[in-house]
N, C-alpha and C. Protein backbone atom coordinates (compact mmCIF):
# COMPACT_ATOMS: atom_id res chain seq x y z
N UNK A 1 0.86 -1.17 0.00
CA UNK A 1 0.00 0.00 0.00
C UNK A 1 0.91 1.24 0.00
N UNK A 2 0.63 2.18 -0.87
CA UNK A 2 1.48 3.37 -0.93
C UNK A 2 1.16 4.31 0.23
N UNK A 3 2.11 5.20 0.49
CA UNK A 3 2.03 6.09 1.66
C UNK A 3 0.79 6.99 1.61
N UNK A 4 0.45 7.51 0.39
CA UNK A 4 -0.72 8.41 0.29
C UNK A 4 -2.01 7.72 0.73
N UNK A 5 -2.21 6.48 0.29
CA UNK A 5 -3.46 5.81 0.66
C UNK A 5 -3.52 5.55 2.17
N UNK A 6 -2.36 5.34 2.80
CA UNK A 6 -2.34 5.19 4.25
C UNK A 6 -2.69 6.51 4.94
N UNK A 7 -2.14 7.60 4.44
CA UNK A 7 -2.32 8.91 5.05
C UNK A 7 -3.72 9.45 4.80
N UNK A 8 -4.30 9.19 3.63
CA UNK A 8 -5.60 9.78 3.28
C UNK A 8 -6.68 9.45 4.29
N UNK A 9 -6.59 8.31 4.92
CA UNK A 9 -7.62 7.97 5.90
C UNK A 9 -7.51 8.84 7.15
N UNK A 10 -6.37 9.50 7.34
CA UNK A 10 -6.17 10.38 8.49
C UNK A 10 -6.41 11.86 8.15
N UNK A 11 -6.60 12.19 6.87
CA UNK A 11 -6.67 13.61 6.49
C UNK A 11 -7.82 14.35 7.16
N UNK A 12 -9.03 13.79 7.12
CA UNK A 12 -10.17 14.51 7.69
C UNK A 12 -10.09 14.59 9.22
N UNK A 13 -9.70 13.50 9.90
CA UNK A 13 -9.48 13.66 11.34
C UNK A 13 -8.35 14.67 11.64
N UNK A 14 -7.34 14.75 10.77
CA UNK A 14 -6.25 15.73 10.92
C UNK A 14 -6.80 17.15 10.82
N UNK A 15 -7.63 17.39 9.78
CA UNK A 15 -8.21 18.71 9.57
C UNK A 15 -9.09 19.11 10.75
N UNK A 16 -9.81 18.14 11.29
CA UNK A 16 -10.72 18.41 12.40
C UNK A 16 -10.02 18.43 13.76
N UNK A 17 -8.71 18.17 13.78
CA UNK A 17 -7.96 18.20 15.03
C UNK A 17 -8.28 17.03 15.95
N UNK A 18 -8.62 15.87 15.36
CA UNK A 18 -9.03 14.72 16.16
C UNK A 18 -7.92 13.69 16.36
N UNK A 19 -6.74 13.93 15.79
CA UNK A 19 -5.66 12.96 15.90
C UNK A 19 -4.79 13.24 17.13
N UNK A 20 -4.12 12.20 17.58
CA UNK A 20 -3.15 12.36 18.64
C UNK A 20 -1.88 12.99 18.08
N UNK A 21 -0.95 13.26 18.94
CA UNK A 21 0.29 13.93 18.55
C UNK A 21 1.06 13.11 17.51
N UNK A 22 1.17 11.82 17.74
CA UNK A 22 1.93 10.95 16.84
C UNK A 22 1.36 10.97 15.42
N UNK A 23 0.03 10.80 15.30
CA UNK A 23 -0.61 10.78 13.99
C UNK A 23 -0.56 12.16 13.34
N UNK A 24 -0.73 13.21 14.14
CA UNK A 24 -0.68 14.57 13.61
C UNK A 24 0.68 14.85 12.99
N UNK A 25 1.74 14.46 13.69
CA UNK A 25 3.09 14.66 13.17
C UNK A 25 3.33 13.81 11.93
N UNK A 26 2.80 12.61 11.91
CA UNK A 26 2.92 11.74 10.75
C UNK A 26 2.27 12.37 9.52
N UNK A 27 1.03 12.87 9.68
CA UNK A 27 0.32 13.50 8.57
C UNK A 27 1.02 14.79 8.16
N UNK A 28 1.42 15.60 9.13
CA UNK A 28 2.10 16.86 8.83
C UNK A 28 3.38 16.61 8.02
N UNK A 29 4.15 15.64 8.43
CA UNK A 29 5.37 15.30 7.71
C UNK A 29 5.09 14.85 6.29
N UNK A 30 4.02 14.09 6.11
CA UNK A 30 3.65 13.63 4.77
C UNK A 30 3.22 14.80 3.89
N UNK A 31 2.45 15.70 4.47
CA UNK A 31 1.95 16.85 3.70
C UNK A 31 3.10 17.74 3.22
N UNK A 32 4.17 17.79 3.97
CA UNK A 32 5.32 18.60 3.57
C UNK A 32 5.93 18.11 2.26
N UNK A 33 5.83 16.81 2.00
CA UNK A 33 6.44 16.26 0.81
C UNK A 33 5.47 15.76 -0.24
N UNK A 34 4.16 15.95 -0.03
CA UNK A 34 3.17 15.42 -0.98
C UNK A 34 2.21 16.52 -1.40
N UNK A 35 2.40 17.08 -2.59
CA UNK A 35 1.52 18.16 -3.04
C UNK A 35 0.07 17.71 -3.24
N UNK A 36 -0.13 16.45 -3.62
CA UNK A 36 -1.50 15.96 -3.85
C UNK A 36 -2.32 15.96 -2.55
N UNK A 37 -1.76 15.38 -1.50
CA UNK A 37 -2.47 15.35 -0.22
C UNK A 37 -2.59 16.74 0.38
N UNK A 38 -1.54 17.56 0.20
CA UNK A 38 -1.57 18.93 0.71
C UNK A 38 -2.70 19.72 0.04
N UNK A 39 -2.92 19.48 -1.26
CA UNK A 39 -3.99 20.16 -2.00
C UNK A 39 -5.36 19.75 -1.45
N UNK A 40 -5.52 18.47 -1.13
CA UNK A 40 -6.79 17.99 -0.55
C UNK A 40 -7.06 18.72 0.76
N UNK A 41 -6.05 18.82 1.62
CA UNK A 41 -6.21 19.48 2.92
C UNK A 41 -6.53 20.96 2.73
N UNK A 42 -5.82 21.62 1.80
CA UNK A 42 -6.07 23.04 1.56
C UNK A 42 -7.49 23.28 1.04
N UNK A 43 -7.94 22.43 0.10
CA UNK A 43 -9.31 22.59 -0.43
C UNK A 43 -10.34 22.40 0.68
N UNK A 44 -10.15 21.40 1.51
CA UNK A 44 -11.10 21.13 2.59
C UNK A 44 -11.10 22.28 3.60
N UNK A 45 -9.93 22.79 3.93
CA UNK A 45 -9.85 23.92 4.86
C UNK A 45 -10.49 25.17 4.27
N UNK A 46 -10.31 25.40 2.96
CA UNK A 46 -10.94 26.54 2.29
C UNK A 46 -12.45 26.39 2.33
N UNK A 47 -12.93 25.17 2.06
CA UNK A 47 -14.36 24.90 2.09
C UNK A 47 -14.94 25.16 3.49
N UNK A 48 -14.25 24.64 4.51
CA UNK A 48 -14.73 24.83 5.88
C UNK A 48 -14.71 26.30 6.28
N UNK A 49 -13.70 27.05 5.82
CA UNK A 49 -13.63 28.48 6.13
C UNK A 49 -14.79 29.23 5.48
N UNK A 50 -15.12 28.86 4.23
CA UNK A 50 -16.24 29.51 3.55
C UNK A 50 -17.55 29.23 4.27
N UNK A 51 -17.73 28.02 4.72
CA UNK A 51 -18.95 27.68 5.47
C UNK A 51 -19.01 28.48 6.76
N UNK A 52 -17.87 28.57 7.45
CA UNK A 52 -17.82 29.29 8.72
C UNK A 52 -18.14 30.77 8.55
N UNK A 53 -17.75 31.34 7.40
CA UNK A 53 -17.94 32.77 7.16
C UNK A 53 -19.26 33.10 6.47
N UNK A 54 -20.11 32.11 6.26
CA UNK A 54 -21.40 32.39 5.63
C UNK A 54 -22.22 33.34 6.52
N UNK A 55 -22.81 34.28 5.91
CA UNK A 55 -23.68 35.21 6.65
C UNK A 55 -25.09 34.62 6.66
N UNK A 56 -25.61 34.51 7.82
CA UNK A 56 -26.97 33.99 7.96
C UNK A 56 -27.90 35.19 8.02
N UNK A 57 -28.80 35.21 7.06
CA UNK A 57 -29.70 36.36 7.02
C UNK A 57 -30.78 36.21 8.09
N UNK A 58 -31.24 37.34 8.57
CA UNK A 58 -32.29 37.34 9.57
C UNK A 58 -33.63 37.08 8.89
N UNK A 59 -34.50 36.34 9.56
CA UNK A 59 -35.82 36.09 8.98
C UNK A 59 -36.64 37.38 8.95
N UNK A 60 -37.64 37.43 8.08
CA UNK A 60 -38.49 38.63 8.05
C UNK A 60 -39.14 38.83 9.43
N UNK A 61 -39.39 40.07 9.80
CA UNK A 61 -39.91 40.35 11.15
C UNK A 61 -41.27 39.71 11.43
N UNK A 62 -42.08 39.50 10.41
CA UNK A 62 -43.42 38.95 10.65
C UNK A 62 -43.49 37.43 10.45
N UNK A 63 -42.36 36.76 10.35
CA UNK A 63 -42.35 35.31 10.11
C UNK A 63 -43.02 34.54 11.25
N UNK A 64 -42.71 34.92 12.47
CA UNK A 64 -43.30 34.22 13.62
C UNK A 64 -44.82 34.34 13.61
N UNK A 65 -45.33 35.55 13.31
CA UNK A 65 -46.78 35.75 13.26
C UNK A 65 -47.41 34.89 12.17
N UNK A 66 -46.77 34.82 10.98
CA UNK A 66 -47.30 34.02 9.88
C UNK A 66 -47.35 32.54 10.24
N UNK A 67 -46.32 32.07 10.94
CA UNK A 67 -46.30 30.66 11.35
C UNK A 67 -47.42 30.39 12.34
N UNK A 68 -47.59 31.27 13.32
CA UNK A 68 -48.66 31.09 14.31
C UNK A 68 -50.03 31.12 13.65
N UNK A 69 -50.22 32.05 12.69
CA UNK A 69 -51.50 32.12 11.96
C UNK A 69 -51.75 30.83 11.20
N UNK A 70 -50.69 30.31 10.56
CA UNK A 70 -50.82 29.06 9.81
C UNK A 70 -51.19 27.91 10.71
N UNK A 71 -50.63 27.88 11.92
CA UNK A 71 -50.95 26.82 12.87
C UNK A 71 -52.40 26.95 13.33
N UNK A 72 -52.81 28.17 13.61
CA UNK A 72 -54.18 28.40 14.07
C UNK A 72 -55.21 28.04 12.98
N UNK A 73 -54.87 28.29 11.71
CA UNK A 73 -55.81 28.07 10.61
C UNK A 73 -55.85 26.63 10.12
N UNK A 74 -54.89 25.81 10.50
CA UNK A 74 -54.84 24.46 9.94
C UNK A 74 -56.03 23.64 10.39
N UNK A 75 -56.38 22.73 9.56
CA UNK A 75 -57.52 21.86 9.82
C UNK A 75 -57.06 20.70 10.69
N UNK A 76 -57.54 20.66 11.92
CA UNK A 76 -57.10 19.62 12.85
C UNK A 76 -58.03 18.41 12.84
N UNK A 77 -59.10 18.47 12.11
CA UNK A 77 -60.01 17.32 12.08
C UNK A 77 -59.43 16.24 11.18
N UNK A 78 -59.55 15.01 11.61
CA UNK A 78 -59.05 13.88 10.83
C UNK A 78 -60.26 13.25 10.13
N UNK A 79 -60.28 13.31 8.80
CA UNK A 79 -61.41 12.71 8.10
C UNK A 79 -61.42 11.20 8.28
N UNK A 80 -62.58 10.67 8.45
CA UNK A 80 -62.78 9.22 8.55
C UNK A 80 -61.93 8.61 9.67
N UNK A 81 -61.98 9.24 10.82
CA UNK A 81 -61.17 8.79 11.95
C UNK A 81 -61.47 7.34 12.32
N UNK A 82 -62.70 6.95 12.27
CA UNK A 82 -63.06 5.57 12.60
C UNK A 82 -62.45 4.59 11.61
N UNK A 83 -62.35 5.00 10.36
CA UNK A 83 -61.75 4.12 9.35
C UNK A 83 -60.29 3.86 9.66
N UNK A 84 -59.59 4.91 10.10
CA UNK A 84 -58.18 4.74 10.45
C UNK A 84 -58.02 3.80 11.65
N UNK A 85 -58.87 3.95 12.63
CA UNK A 85 -58.80 3.09 13.82
C UNK A 85 -59.09 1.65 13.44
N UNK A 86 -60.10 1.43 12.62
CA UNK A 86 -60.45 0.07 12.19
C UNK A 86 -59.32 -0.54 11.37
N UNK A 87 -58.72 0.23 10.47
CA UNK A 87 -57.62 -0.28 9.64
C UNK A 87 -56.43 -0.63 10.53
N UNK A 88 -56.15 0.19 11.52
CA UNK A 88 -55.05 -0.09 12.44
C UNK A 88 -55.29 -1.36 13.24
N UNK A 89 -56.51 -1.54 13.70
CA UNK A 89 -56.87 -2.74 14.46
C UNK A 89 -56.73 -3.99 13.59
N UNK A 90 -57.22 -3.93 12.37
CA UNK A 90 -57.12 -5.06 11.45
C UNK A 90 -55.65 -5.39 11.17
N UNK A 91 -54.85 -4.37 10.96
CA UNK A 91 -53.42 -4.57 10.72
C UNK A 91 -52.77 -5.23 11.94
N UNK A 92 -53.11 -4.76 13.13
CA UNK A 92 -52.58 -5.35 14.35
C UNK A 92 -52.94 -6.83 14.45
N UNK A 93 -54.20 -7.17 14.20
CA UNK A 93 -54.66 -8.56 14.26
C UNK A 93 -53.89 -9.41 13.25
N UNK A 94 -53.70 -8.87 12.04
CA UNK A 94 -53.00 -9.58 10.98
C UNK A 94 -51.54 -9.86 11.40
N UNK A 95 -50.87 -8.86 11.93
CA UNK A 95 -49.46 -9.02 12.34
C UNK A 95 -49.37 -9.98 13.53
N UNK A 96 -50.24 -9.83 14.50
CA UNK A 96 -50.22 -10.71 15.67
C UNK A 96 -50.50 -12.16 15.24
N UNK A 97 -51.47 -12.36 14.35
CA UNK A 97 -51.77 -13.71 13.85
C UNK A 97 -50.59 -14.31 13.12
N UNK A 98 -49.93 -13.50 12.30
CA UNK A 98 -48.75 -13.98 11.58
C UNK A 98 -47.64 -14.37 12.54
N UNK A 99 -47.44 -13.56 13.57
CA UNK A 99 -46.40 -13.86 14.55
C UNK A 99 -46.71 -15.16 15.30
N UNK A 100 -47.96 -15.35 15.69
CA UNK A 100 -48.36 -16.59 16.40
C UNK A 100 -48.18 -17.79 15.47
N UNK A 101 -48.61 -17.64 14.21
CA UNK A 101 -48.44 -18.73 13.23
C UNK A 101 -46.97 -19.08 13.07
N UNK A 102 -46.13 -18.07 12.95
CA UNK A 102 -44.68 -18.29 12.78
C UNK A 102 -44.11 -19.02 13.99
N UNK A 103 -44.46 -18.56 15.19
CA UNK A 103 -43.92 -19.18 16.40
C UNK A 103 -44.38 -20.63 16.56
N UNK A 104 -45.62 -20.91 16.18
CA UNK A 104 -46.13 -22.28 16.31
C UNK A 104 -45.53 -23.21 15.27
N UNK A 105 -45.22 -22.69 14.08
CA UNK A 105 -44.73 -23.54 13.00
C UNK A 105 -43.21 -23.49 12.81
N UNK A 106 -42.53 -22.67 13.57
CA UNK A 106 -41.09 -22.55 13.42
C UNK A 106 -40.42 -23.76 14.07
N UNK A 107 -39.54 -24.38 13.32
CA UNK A 107 -38.89 -25.60 13.81
C UNK A 107 -37.82 -25.31 14.85
N UNK A 108 -37.18 -24.16 14.77
CA UNK A 108 -36.11 -23.83 15.72
C UNK A 108 -36.69 -23.15 16.95
N UNK A 109 -36.34 -23.66 18.08
CA UNK A 109 -36.80 -23.04 19.32
C UNK A 109 -35.65 -22.24 19.92
N UNK A 110 -35.96 -21.46 20.90
CA UNK A 110 -34.94 -20.66 21.58
C UNK A 110 -33.83 -21.54 22.16
N UNK A 111 -34.15 -22.66 22.80
CA UNK A 111 -33.06 -23.53 23.29
C UNK A 111 -32.17 -24.05 22.16
N UNK A 112 -32.75 -24.32 20.96
CA UNK A 112 -31.94 -24.77 19.83
C UNK A 112 -30.96 -23.69 19.39
N UNK A 113 -31.41 -22.43 19.34
CA UNK A 113 -30.55 -21.32 18.95
C UNK A 113 -29.45 -21.13 19.99
N UNK A 114 -29.80 -21.20 21.26
CA UNK A 114 -28.81 -21.06 22.33
C UNK A 114 -27.79 -22.18 22.25
N UNK A 115 -28.26 -23.40 21.99
CA UNK A 115 -27.37 -24.55 21.88
C UNK A 115 -26.40 -24.37 20.71
N UNK A 116 -26.90 -23.88 19.57
CA UNK A 116 -26.05 -23.65 18.40
C UNK A 116 -25.01 -22.58 18.71
N UNK A 117 -25.41 -21.55 19.44
CA UNK A 117 -24.46 -20.49 19.81
C UNK A 117 -23.36 -21.03 20.72
N UNK A 118 -23.73 -21.86 21.68
CA UNK A 118 -22.75 -22.45 22.59
C UNK A 118 -21.79 -23.35 21.81
N UNK A 119 -22.31 -24.15 20.87
CA UNK A 119 -21.47 -25.03 20.08
C UNK A 119 -20.48 -24.24 19.22
N UNK A 120 -20.94 -23.13 18.64
CA UNK A 120 -20.04 -22.30 17.84
C UNK A 120 -18.95 -21.69 18.71
N UNK A 121 -19.30 -21.25 19.89
CA UNK A 121 -18.31 -20.69 20.81
C UNK A 121 -17.28 -21.74 21.21
N UNK A 122 -17.75 -22.96 21.49
CA UNK A 122 -16.82 -24.03 21.86
C UNK A 122 -15.91 -24.38 20.69
N UNK A 123 -16.44 -24.34 19.47
CA UNK A 123 -15.60 -24.59 18.29
C UNK A 123 -14.51 -23.55 18.18
N UNK A 124 -14.84 -22.30 18.48
CA UNK A 124 -13.83 -21.25 18.47
C UNK A 124 -12.76 -21.53 19.52
N UNK A 125 -13.19 -21.88 20.73
CA UNK A 125 -12.25 -22.13 21.81
C UNK A 125 -11.30 -23.29 21.49
N UNK A 126 -11.79 -24.28 20.75
CA UNK A 126 -10.96 -25.42 20.37
C UNK A 126 -10.05 -25.09 19.20
N UNK A 127 -10.23 -23.91 18.61
CA UNK A 127 -9.39 -23.51 17.48
C UNK A 127 -9.95 -23.90 16.13
N UNK A 128 -11.19 -24.38 16.09
CA UNK A 128 -11.80 -24.79 14.82
C UNK A 128 -12.29 -23.61 14.01
N UNK A 129 -12.64 -22.52 14.67
CA UNK A 129 -13.15 -21.34 13.97
C UNK A 129 -12.15 -20.20 14.10
N UNK A 130 -11.88 -19.51 13.00
CA UNK A 130 -10.95 -18.37 13.08
C UNK A 130 -11.67 -17.11 13.58
N UNK A 131 -10.91 -16.21 14.17
CA UNK A 131 -11.44 -14.90 14.55
C UNK A 131 -11.36 -13.97 13.35
N UNK A 132 -12.29 -13.04 13.22
CA UNK A 132 -12.22 -12.06 12.14
C UNK A 132 -11.10 -11.06 12.40
N UNK A 133 -10.97 -10.62 13.63
CA UNK A 133 -9.93 -9.65 14.00
C UNK A 133 -9.01 -10.36 14.98
N UNK A 134 -7.73 -10.46 14.61
CA UNK A 134 -6.81 -11.21 15.45
C UNK A 134 -5.71 -10.35 16.04
N UNK A 135 -5.76 -9.05 15.80
CA UNK A 135 -4.69 -8.17 16.22
C UNK A 135 -5.29 -6.89 16.77
N UNK A 136 -4.56 -6.23 17.66
CA UNK A 136 -5.05 -4.96 18.19
C UNK A 136 -4.54 -3.78 17.37
N UNK A 137 -3.89 -4.06 16.25
CA UNK A 137 -3.38 -3.02 15.37
C UNK A 137 -4.55 -2.24 14.77
N UNK A 138 -4.61 -0.92 14.99
CA UNK A 138 -5.72 -0.11 14.49
C UNK A 138 -5.89 -0.20 12.97
N UNK A 139 -4.79 -0.35 12.23
CA UNK A 139 -4.89 -0.45 10.78
C UNK A 139 -5.62 -1.72 10.37
N UNK A 140 -5.33 -2.84 11.05
CA UNK A 140 -6.01 -4.09 10.73
C UNK A 140 -7.50 -4.00 11.09
N UNK A 141 -7.79 -3.39 12.21
CA UNK A 141 -9.19 -3.24 12.62
C UNK A 141 -9.93 -2.35 11.62
N UNK A 142 -9.32 -1.24 11.21
CA UNK A 142 -9.93 -0.35 10.22
C UNK A 142 -10.14 -1.08 8.90
N UNK A 143 -9.15 -1.88 8.50
CA UNK A 143 -9.26 -2.65 7.26
C UNK A 143 -10.44 -3.63 7.34
N UNK A 144 -10.64 -4.25 8.50
CA UNK A 144 -11.73 -5.20 8.67
C UNK A 144 -13.08 -4.50 8.51
N UNK A 145 -13.20 -3.26 9.00
CA UNK A 145 -14.45 -2.52 8.90
C UNK A 145 -14.72 -1.99 7.49
N UNK A 146 -13.65 -1.84 6.67
CA UNK A 146 -13.80 -1.28 5.33
C UNK A 146 -14.80 -2.11 4.53
N UNK A 147 -15.81 -1.45 3.97
CA UNK A 147 -16.84 -2.12 3.20
C UNK A 147 -18.00 -2.62 4.03
N UNK A 148 -17.83 -2.68 5.35
CA UNK A 148 -18.91 -3.13 6.23
C UNK A 148 -19.72 -1.96 6.79
N UNK A 149 -19.08 -0.79 6.85
CA UNK A 149 -19.75 0.42 7.29
C UNK A 149 -19.56 1.49 6.22
N UNK A 150 -20.48 2.43 6.14
CA UNK A 150 -20.42 3.41 5.06
C UNK A 150 -19.75 4.72 5.46
N UNK A 151 -18.71 4.64 6.30
CA UNK A 151 -17.88 5.79 6.60
C UNK A 151 -16.48 5.26 6.91
N UNK A 152 -15.50 6.13 6.80
CA UNK A 152 -14.12 5.74 7.03
C UNK A 152 -13.82 5.73 8.52
N UNK A 153 -13.33 4.61 9.00
CA UNK A 153 -13.00 4.48 10.41
C UNK A 153 -11.49 4.63 10.57
N UNK A 154 -11.06 5.68 11.24
CA UNK A 154 -9.63 5.92 11.48
C UNK A 154 -9.39 5.82 12.98
N UNK A 155 -8.79 4.74 13.41
CA UNK A 155 -8.49 4.53 14.81
C UNK A 155 -7.12 5.11 15.14
N UNK A 156 -6.95 5.72 16.29
CA UNK A 156 -5.64 6.29 16.64
C UNK A 156 -4.65 5.19 17.02
N UNK A 157 -3.38 5.46 16.75
CA UNK A 157 -2.32 4.55 17.19
C UNK A 157 -2.00 4.88 18.64
N UNK A 158 -2.11 3.91 19.51
CA UNK A 158 -1.85 4.14 20.94
C UNK A 158 -0.76 3.17 21.38
N UNK A 159 0.32 3.71 21.91
CA UNK A 159 1.35 2.86 22.48
C UNK A 159 0.88 2.36 23.84
N UNK A 160 1.08 1.08 24.09
CA UNK A 160 0.68 0.54 25.39
C UNK A 160 1.41 1.24 26.53
N UNK A 161 2.58 1.76 26.25
CA UNK A 161 3.35 2.45 27.29
C UNK A 161 2.61 3.70 27.76
N UNK A 162 1.87 4.35 26.84
CA UNK A 162 1.15 5.56 27.21
C UNK A 162 -0.02 5.26 28.14
N UNK A 163 -0.56 4.07 28.04
CA UNK A 163 -1.74 3.70 28.84
C UNK A 163 -1.34 3.39 30.28
N UNK A 164 -0.21 2.75 30.43
CA UNK A 164 0.24 2.31 31.78
C UNK A 164 0.69 3.47 32.61
């Protein structure tokens, strides 16, 4: 994996000031020698500055009165209220009946599911099943999450010495 692709996952946390000292220095050092990544950071910072400097216009002075008038004038009556209640009741009966039918005809019971879970756990303990994440390395954990969640997960590098 090239250095830029490793660093790019830290760029937005770097811009937002969310990285630790070690990662910040790592990204800063990379930006000094990489015009492509530096351009990404500059564009993002320019964008954020423009958003921060947006002038928010004041609402018209009579906006609150217009909203209150609109609320007062709205029609609060629900047409065919009894029809809605009946439809809701029928839907409830249908869902409850389906759930009862499913529970009565389902071959797997709760003890069967619990038993299967225990057997899978014992298989893992015996070494028959591999773990998905086998290391505490933040890069490996982030790699495991890639494609499973729809945002970039950047975990900080923490030396165990710092924790103790």
